[in-house]
N, C-alpha and C. Protein backbone atom coordinates (compact mmCIF):
# COMPACT_ATOMS: atom_id res chain seq x y z
N MET A 1 -35.03 -17.84 21.04
CA MET A 1 -34.03 -17.47 20.13
C MET A 1 -34.48 -16.27 19.42
N SER A 2 -33.78 -15.19 19.44
CA SER A 2 -34.13 -13.98 18.64
C SER A 2 -33.63 -13.91 17.30
N ILE A 3 -34.23 -13.37 16.46
CA ILE A 3 -33.81 -13.17 15.15
C ILE A 3 -33.04 -11.87 15.01
N VAL A 4 -31.61 -12.05 14.45
CA VAL A 4 -30.94 -10.90 14.32
C VAL A 4 -30.56 -10.47 12.81
N ARG A 5 -30.94 -9.35 12.37
CA ARG A 5 -30.78 -9.01 10.93
C ARG A 5 -29.35 -8.84 10.74
N PHE A 6 -28.91 -9.57 9.62
CA PHE A 6 -27.45 -9.43 9.25
C PHE A 6 -27.17 -8.24 8.39
N ASP A 7 -26.05 -7.71 8.91
CA ASP A 7 -25.64 -6.39 8.31
C ASP A 7 -24.23 -6.42 7.89
N PRO A 8 -24.05 -6.78 6.54
CA PRO A 8 -22.60 -6.87 6.02
C PRO A 8 -21.89 -5.53 5.97
N PHE A 9 -22.43 -4.36 6.22
CA PHE A 9 -21.76 -3.27 6.29
C PHE A 9 -21.09 -2.81 7.70
N ALA A 10 -21.71 -3.49 8.73
CA ALA A 10 -21.24 -3.17 10.05
C ALA A 10 -19.71 -3.09 10.25
N ASP A 11 -19.11 -4.25 9.82
CA ASP A 11 -17.66 -4.33 10.03
C ASP A 11 -17.02 -3.34 8.96
N LEU A 12 -17.40 -3.43 7.80
CA LEU A 12 -16.67 -2.68 6.72
C LEU A 12 -16.62 -1.32 7.01
N LEU A 13 -17.72 -0.69 7.64
CA LEU A 13 -17.64 0.99 7.91
C LEU A 13 -17.03 1.19 9.13
N THR A 14 -17.05 0.28 10.25
CA THR A 14 -16.51 0.60 11.45
C THR A 14 -15.03 0.14 11.61
N ASN A 15 -14.89 -0.93 11.72
CA ASN A 15 -13.42 -1.59 11.98
C ASN A 15 -13.01 -2.24 11.00
N GLY A 16 -13.39 -2.10 9.63
CA GLY A 16 -12.88 -3.03 8.56
C GLY A 16 -11.53 -2.73 8.31
N ARG A 17 -10.71 -3.93 8.09
CA ARG A 17 -9.17 -3.81 7.68
C ARG A 17 -9.06 -4.57 6.43
N TRP A 18 -8.12 -4.07 5.63
CA TRP A 18 -7.81 -4.73 4.38
C TRP A 18 -6.24 -4.70 4.29
N VAL A 19 -5.71 -5.50 3.60
CA VAL A 19 -4.36 -5.57 3.18
C VAL A 19 -4.03 -5.47 1.70
N PRO A 20 -3.39 -4.44 1.27
CA PRO A 20 -3.29 -4.29 -0.27
C PRO A 20 -2.21 -5.38 -0.69
N ALA A 21 -2.34 -5.90 -1.77
CA ALA A 21 -1.16 -6.75 -2.35
C ALA A 21 -0.01 -5.93 -2.85
N VAL A 22 1.20 -6.63 -2.53
CA VAL A 22 2.38 -5.91 -2.84
C VAL A 22 3.34 -6.90 -3.64
N ASP A 23 4.19 -6.34 -4.53
CA ASP A 23 5.13 -6.98 -5.12
C ASP A 23 6.60 -6.35 -4.83
N ILE A 24 7.60 -6.99 -4.42
CA ILE A 24 8.82 -6.29 -4.33
C ILE A 24 9.91 -7.09 -5.10
N TYR A 25 10.56 -6.36 -5.96
CA TYR A 25 11.58 -7.02 -6.84
C TYR A 25 12.74 -5.95 -6.94
N GLU A 26 13.90 -6.74 -7.47
CA GLU A 26 15.08 -5.91 -7.77
C GLU A 26 15.09 -5.76 -9.30
N ASN A 27 15.26 -4.52 -9.70
CA ASN A 27 15.25 -4.43 -11.35
C ASN A 27 16.95 -4.19 -11.68
N GLY A 28 16.84 -4.12 -13.06
CA GLY A 28 18.22 -4.01 -13.65
C GLY A 28 18.97 -2.74 -13.36
N LYS A 29 18.29 -1.78 -12.75
CA LYS A 29 18.91 -0.49 -12.53
C LYS A 29 19.47 -0.27 -11.06
N GLN A 30 19.70 -1.53 -10.61
CA GLN A 30 20.38 -1.43 -9.20
C GLN A 30 19.48 -0.77 -8.12
N GLU A 31 18.18 -1.32 -8.00
CA GLU A 31 17.21 -0.59 -7.12
C GLU A 31 16.34 -1.49 -6.73
N LEU A 32 15.63 -1.52 -5.56
CA LEU A 32 14.44 -2.33 -5.35
C LEU A 32 13.32 -1.50 -5.82
N VAL A 33 12.13 -2.30 -6.17
CA VAL A 33 10.98 -1.57 -6.52
C VAL A 33 9.91 -2.43 -5.88
N LEU A 34 9.06 -1.47 -5.19
CA LEU A 34 7.87 -1.93 -4.48
C LEU A 34 6.52 -1.55 -5.09
N LYS A 35 5.72 -2.39 -5.59
CA LYS A 35 4.40 -2.00 -6.26
C LYS A 35 3.32 -2.43 -5.26
N ALA A 36 2.30 -1.54 -5.01
CA ALA A 36 1.24 -1.87 -4.28
C ALA A 36 0.05 -1.52 -4.85
N GLU A 37 -1.08 -2.41 -4.83
CA GLU A 37 -2.28 -2.12 -5.44
C GLU A 37 -3.26 -1.35 -4.40
N LEU A 38 -3.48 -0.15 -4.95
CA LEU A 38 -4.51 0.57 -3.98
C LEU A 38 -5.44 1.30 -4.90
N PRO A 39 -6.41 0.37 -5.53
CA PRO A 39 -7.44 0.84 -6.35
C PRO A 39 -8.45 1.94 -5.48
N ASP A 40 -9.07 2.79 -6.30
CA ASP A 40 -10.02 3.63 -5.78
C ASP A 40 -9.50 4.53 -4.56
N MET A 41 -8.28 4.87 -4.64
CA MET A 41 -7.71 5.67 -3.51
C MET A 41 -7.19 6.96 -4.17
N LYS A 42 -7.18 8.10 -3.45
CA LYS A 42 -6.70 9.33 -3.99
C LYS A 42 -5.16 9.49 -3.11
N ARG A 43 -4.41 10.06 -3.92
CA ARG A 43 -3.10 10.30 -3.60
C ARG A 43 -2.94 10.90 -2.18
N GLU A 44 -3.74 11.70 -1.83
CA GLU A 44 -3.61 12.39 -0.53
C GLU A 44 -4.09 11.39 0.67
N ASP A 45 -4.73 10.30 0.24
CA ASP A 45 -5.17 9.20 1.21
C ASP A 45 -4.00 8.18 1.68
N ILE A 46 -2.84 8.30 0.97
CA ILE A 46 -1.73 7.36 1.03
C ILE A 46 -0.45 8.03 1.70
N GLN A 47 0.05 7.37 2.61
CA GLN A 47 1.42 7.85 3.30
C GLN A 47 2.39 6.90 3.07
N VAL A 48 3.69 7.37 2.61
CA VAL A 48 4.88 6.40 2.59
C VAL A 48 5.75 7.14 3.46
N VAL A 49 6.42 6.32 4.34
CA VAL A 49 7.39 6.62 5.39
C VAL A 49 8.54 5.61 5.38
N PHE A 50 9.82 6.25 5.32
CA PHE A 50 10.95 5.37 5.34
C PHE A 50 11.67 5.87 6.64
N GLU A 51 11.96 5.02 7.52
CA GLU A 51 12.63 5.28 8.92
C GLU A 51 13.23 4.05 9.34
N ASN A 52 14.58 4.07 9.77
CA ASN A 52 15.29 3.08 10.33
C ASN A 52 15.14 1.66 9.58
N ASN A 53 15.58 1.92 8.23
CA ASN A 53 15.56 0.88 7.21
C ASN A 53 14.21 0.07 7.17
N THR A 54 13.08 0.73 7.61
CA THR A 54 11.73 0.21 7.41
C THR A 54 10.95 1.08 6.46
N LEU A 55 10.28 0.56 5.65
CA LEU A 55 9.45 1.33 4.70
C LEU A 55 8.03 1.00 5.19
N THR A 56 7.14 2.05 5.48
CA THR A 56 5.74 1.84 5.86
C THR A 56 4.90 2.50 4.76
N ILE A 57 3.87 1.83 4.34
CA ILE A 57 2.84 2.41 3.57
C ILE A 57 1.53 2.16 4.42
N LYS A 58 0.70 3.37 4.43
CA LYS A 58 -0.54 3.43 5.18
C LYS A 58 -1.34 4.44 4.51
N GLY A 59 -2.81 4.05 4.77
CA GLY A 59 -3.79 4.92 4.23
C GLY A 59 -5.05 4.40 4.57
N GLU A 60 -6.18 4.93 3.87
CA GLU A 60 -7.51 4.48 4.05
C GLU A 60 -8.27 4.46 2.81
N ARG A 61 -8.94 3.56 2.41
CA ARG A 61 -9.88 3.46 1.32
C ARG A 61 -11.28 3.67 1.90
N LYS A 62 -11.90 4.64 1.54
CA LYS A 62 -13.16 5.14 2.05
C LYS A 62 -14.27 4.44 1.24
N PHE A 63 -15.45 4.13 2.02
CA PHE A 63 -16.63 3.70 1.48
C PHE A 63 -17.25 4.67 0.47
N GLU A 64 -17.84 4.26 -0.56
CA GLU A 64 -18.31 5.35 -1.32
C GLU A 64 -19.72 5.89 -0.72
N SER A 65 -19.64 7.15 -0.45
CA SER A 65 -20.75 7.62 0.40
C SER A 65 -21.89 8.17 -0.74
N ASP A 66 -21.65 8.22 -2.01
CA ASP A 66 -22.59 8.59 -2.87
C ASP A 66 -23.71 7.56 -3.25
N VAL A 67 -23.46 6.21 -2.75
CA VAL A 67 -24.31 5.36 -3.08
C VAL A 67 -24.94 4.75 -1.53
N ASN A 68 -26.29 4.60 -1.48
CA ASN A 68 -26.83 4.12 -0.31
C ASN A 68 -26.56 2.68 -0.06
N LYS A 69 -26.48 2.37 1.31
CA LYS A 69 -26.06 0.94 1.40
C LYS A 69 -27.31 -0.05 0.96
N GLU A 70 -28.41 0.47 1.04
CA GLU A 70 -29.53 -0.30 0.57
C GLU A 70 -29.59 -0.35 -0.85
N GLN A 71 -28.79 0.24 -1.68
CA GLN A 71 -28.76 0.04 -3.03
C GLN A 71 -27.77 -1.13 -3.45
N PHE A 72 -26.98 -1.47 -2.44
CA PHE A 72 -25.97 -2.63 -2.88
C PHE A 72 -26.59 -3.92 -2.93
N HIS A 73 -26.38 -4.80 -3.67
CA HIS A 73 -26.67 -6.15 -3.76
C HIS A 73 -25.57 -7.05 -3.17
N ARG A 74 -24.26 -6.65 -3.33
CA ARG A 74 -23.20 -7.39 -2.82
C ARG A 74 -21.91 -6.54 -2.50
N VAL A 75 -21.15 -6.72 -1.52
CA VAL A 75 -20.13 -6.02 -1.17
C VAL A 75 -18.86 -7.00 -0.82
N GLU A 76 -17.87 -7.00 -1.63
CA GLU A 76 -16.93 -8.04 -1.56
C GLU A 76 -15.62 -7.21 -1.31
N ARG A 77 -15.40 -6.00 -1.65
CA ARG A 77 -14.31 -5.21 -1.57
C ARG A 77 -14.23 -4.75 -0.01
N ALA A 78 -12.96 -4.72 0.49
CA ALA A 78 -12.87 -4.30 2.00
C ALA A 78 -12.51 -2.80 1.91
N TYR A 79 -13.00 -2.17 3.08
CA TYR A 79 -12.67 -0.67 3.09
C TYR A 79 -12.06 -0.60 4.56
N GLY A 80 -11.47 0.60 4.66
CA GLY A 80 -10.94 1.08 5.83
C GLY A 80 -9.54 1.37 5.93
N THR A 81 -8.80 1.46 7.12
CA THR A 81 -7.38 1.65 7.10
C THR A 81 -6.54 0.54 6.98
N PHE A 82 -5.35 0.85 6.39
CA PHE A 82 -4.37 -0.26 6.20
C PHE A 82 -2.88 0.36 6.61
N SER A 83 -2.14 -0.63 6.95
CA SER A 83 -0.76 -0.29 7.23
C SER A 83 0.11 -1.55 6.75
N ARG A 84 1.22 -1.35 6.04
CA ARG A 84 2.12 -2.53 5.66
C ARG A 84 3.56 -1.82 5.86
N SER A 85 4.34 -2.64 6.58
CA SER A 85 5.76 -2.25 6.82
C SER A 85 6.69 -3.37 6.32
N PHE A 86 7.87 -2.95 5.75
CA PHE A 86 8.65 -3.89 5.08
C PHE A 86 9.99 -3.50 5.70
N SER A 87 10.83 -4.51 6.22
CA SER A 87 12.24 -4.15 6.59
C SER A 87 13.07 -4.24 5.33
N LEU A 88 13.97 -3.20 5.08
CA LEU A 88 14.76 -3.15 3.83
C LEU A 88 16.17 -3.21 4.23
N PRO A 89 17.14 -3.78 3.34
CA PRO A 89 18.42 -3.73 3.63
C PRO A 89 19.14 -2.30 3.85
N SER A 90 20.07 -2.33 4.53
CA SER A 90 20.76 -0.93 4.84
C SER A 90 21.38 -0.39 3.70
N THR A 91 21.57 -1.07 2.45
CA THR A 91 22.30 -0.59 1.24
C THR A 91 21.11 0.23 0.63
N VAL A 92 20.07 0.49 1.01
CA VAL A 92 19.12 1.40 0.32
C VAL A 92 19.46 2.82 0.56
N ASP A 93 19.54 3.66 -0.42
CA ASP A 93 19.82 5.02 -0.23
C ASP A 93 18.64 5.92 -0.02
N ALA A 94 18.46 6.13 1.24
CA ALA A 94 16.97 6.88 1.67
C ALA A 94 16.90 8.39 0.98
N SER A 95 18.06 8.77 0.51
CA SER A 95 17.74 10.18 -0.01
C SER A 95 17.33 10.26 -1.37
N LYS A 96 17.40 9.12 -2.02
CA LYS A 96 17.07 8.92 -3.43
C LYS A 96 15.74 8.09 -3.71
N ILE A 97 15.01 7.90 -2.65
CA ILE A 97 13.78 7.06 -2.68
C ILE A 97 12.73 8.02 -3.39
N GLY A 98 12.06 7.45 -4.40
CA GLY A 98 10.87 7.98 -5.23
C GLY A 98 9.65 7.26 -5.11
N ALA A 99 8.53 8.02 -5.19
CA ALA A 99 7.12 7.27 -5.27
C ALA A 99 6.46 7.83 -6.42
N GLU A 100 5.49 7.02 -6.97
CA GLU A 100 4.60 7.37 -8.11
C GLU A 100 3.28 6.68 -7.92
N TYR A 101 2.23 7.34 -8.03
CA TYR A 101 0.79 6.78 -7.99
C TYR A 101 0.05 6.97 -9.22
N LYS A 102 -0.25 5.89 -9.88
CA LYS A 102 -0.67 6.17 -11.25
C LYS A 102 -1.67 4.85 -11.39
N ASN A 103 -2.97 5.12 -11.80
CA ASN A 103 -3.93 3.98 -12.22
C ASN A 103 -4.08 3.04 -11.09
N GLY A 104 -4.17 3.47 -9.84
CA GLY A 104 -4.34 2.52 -8.66
C GLY A 104 -3.20 1.93 -8.30
N VAL A 105 -2.07 2.11 -8.75
CA VAL A 105 -0.81 1.24 -8.25
C VAL A 105 0.29 2.27 -7.89
N LEU A 106 0.70 2.07 -6.60
CA LEU A 106 1.72 2.87 -5.91
C LEU A 106 3.02 2.27 -6.23
N THR A 107 3.94 2.89 -6.88
CA THR A 107 5.45 2.25 -7.28
C THR A 107 6.40 3.08 -6.47
N VAL A 108 7.16 2.46 -5.69
CA VAL A 108 8.11 3.09 -4.83
C VAL A 108 9.56 2.57 -5.21
N THR A 109 10.48 3.28 -5.77
CA THR A 109 11.80 2.97 -6.11
C THR A 109 12.71 3.17 -5.16
N LEU A 110 13.57 2.21 -4.71
CA LEU A 110 14.52 2.43 -3.61
C LEU A 110 15.79 2.09 -4.22
N PRO A 111 16.66 3.13 -4.46
CA PRO A 111 17.92 2.73 -5.15
C PRO A 111 19.04 2.29 -4.16
N PHE A 112 19.80 1.64 -4.53
CA PHE A 112 20.98 1.14 -3.70
C PHE A 112 22.09 2.06 -3.57
N ARG A 113 22.84 2.34 -2.38
CA ARG A 113 23.89 3.18 -2.23
C ARG A 113 25.08 2.82 -3.22
N GLU A 114 25.80 3.74 -3.60
CA GLU A 114 26.70 3.51 -4.61
C GLU A 114 27.85 2.62 -4.30
N GLU A 115 28.15 2.48 -3.00
CA GLU A 115 29.10 1.46 -2.41
C GLU A 115 28.58 0.05 -2.44
N ALA A 116 27.17 -0.09 -2.40
CA ALA A 116 26.60 -1.36 -2.51
C ALA A 116 26.57 -1.91 -3.91
N LYS A 117 26.62 -1.08 -5.02
CA LYS A 117 26.53 -1.58 -6.40
C LYS A 117 27.72 -2.36 -6.66
N PRO A 118 27.66 -3.37 -7.35
CA PRO A 118 28.81 -4.14 -7.80
C PRO A 118 29.58 -3.21 -8.74
N ARG A 119 31.00 -3.48 -8.65
CA ARG A 119 31.89 -2.87 -9.45
C ARG A 119 32.89 -3.86 -10.03
N THR A 120 33.50 -3.50 -11.34
CA THR A 120 34.42 -4.31 -11.99
C THR A 120 35.82 -3.60 -11.65
N ILE A 121 36.69 -4.37 -11.15
CA ILE A 121 38.06 -3.98 -10.95
C ILE A 121 39.06 -4.69 -11.96
N ASN A 122 39.82 -3.86 -12.70
CA ASN A 122 40.66 -4.46 -13.55
C ASN A 122 42.01 -4.44 -12.99
């Protein structure tokens, strides 16, 4: 039996996959809000696409290249590419979708169409 050296970086740097945590809720302004935790990422490494009532968030969290892997004592965070897709109701107004990335949190607002908002009829 041969001894194989354990390399914790092998999966992380080559084919590592991670899934960011996401909250989706309806706020009082008649819109859906999606918040995704994307720490240590740059805005240019994140893509938000809305197509056929599906919202897709994808990107890549890169491993810190300024630190040698020999200097690490422990690596628990995942690195690599991710992609998350969410089916949304047809009542979302695609022309008014907004996104903001601040402090490692991506916030996407998805307003409802005017005809989908509740109205009071006297």
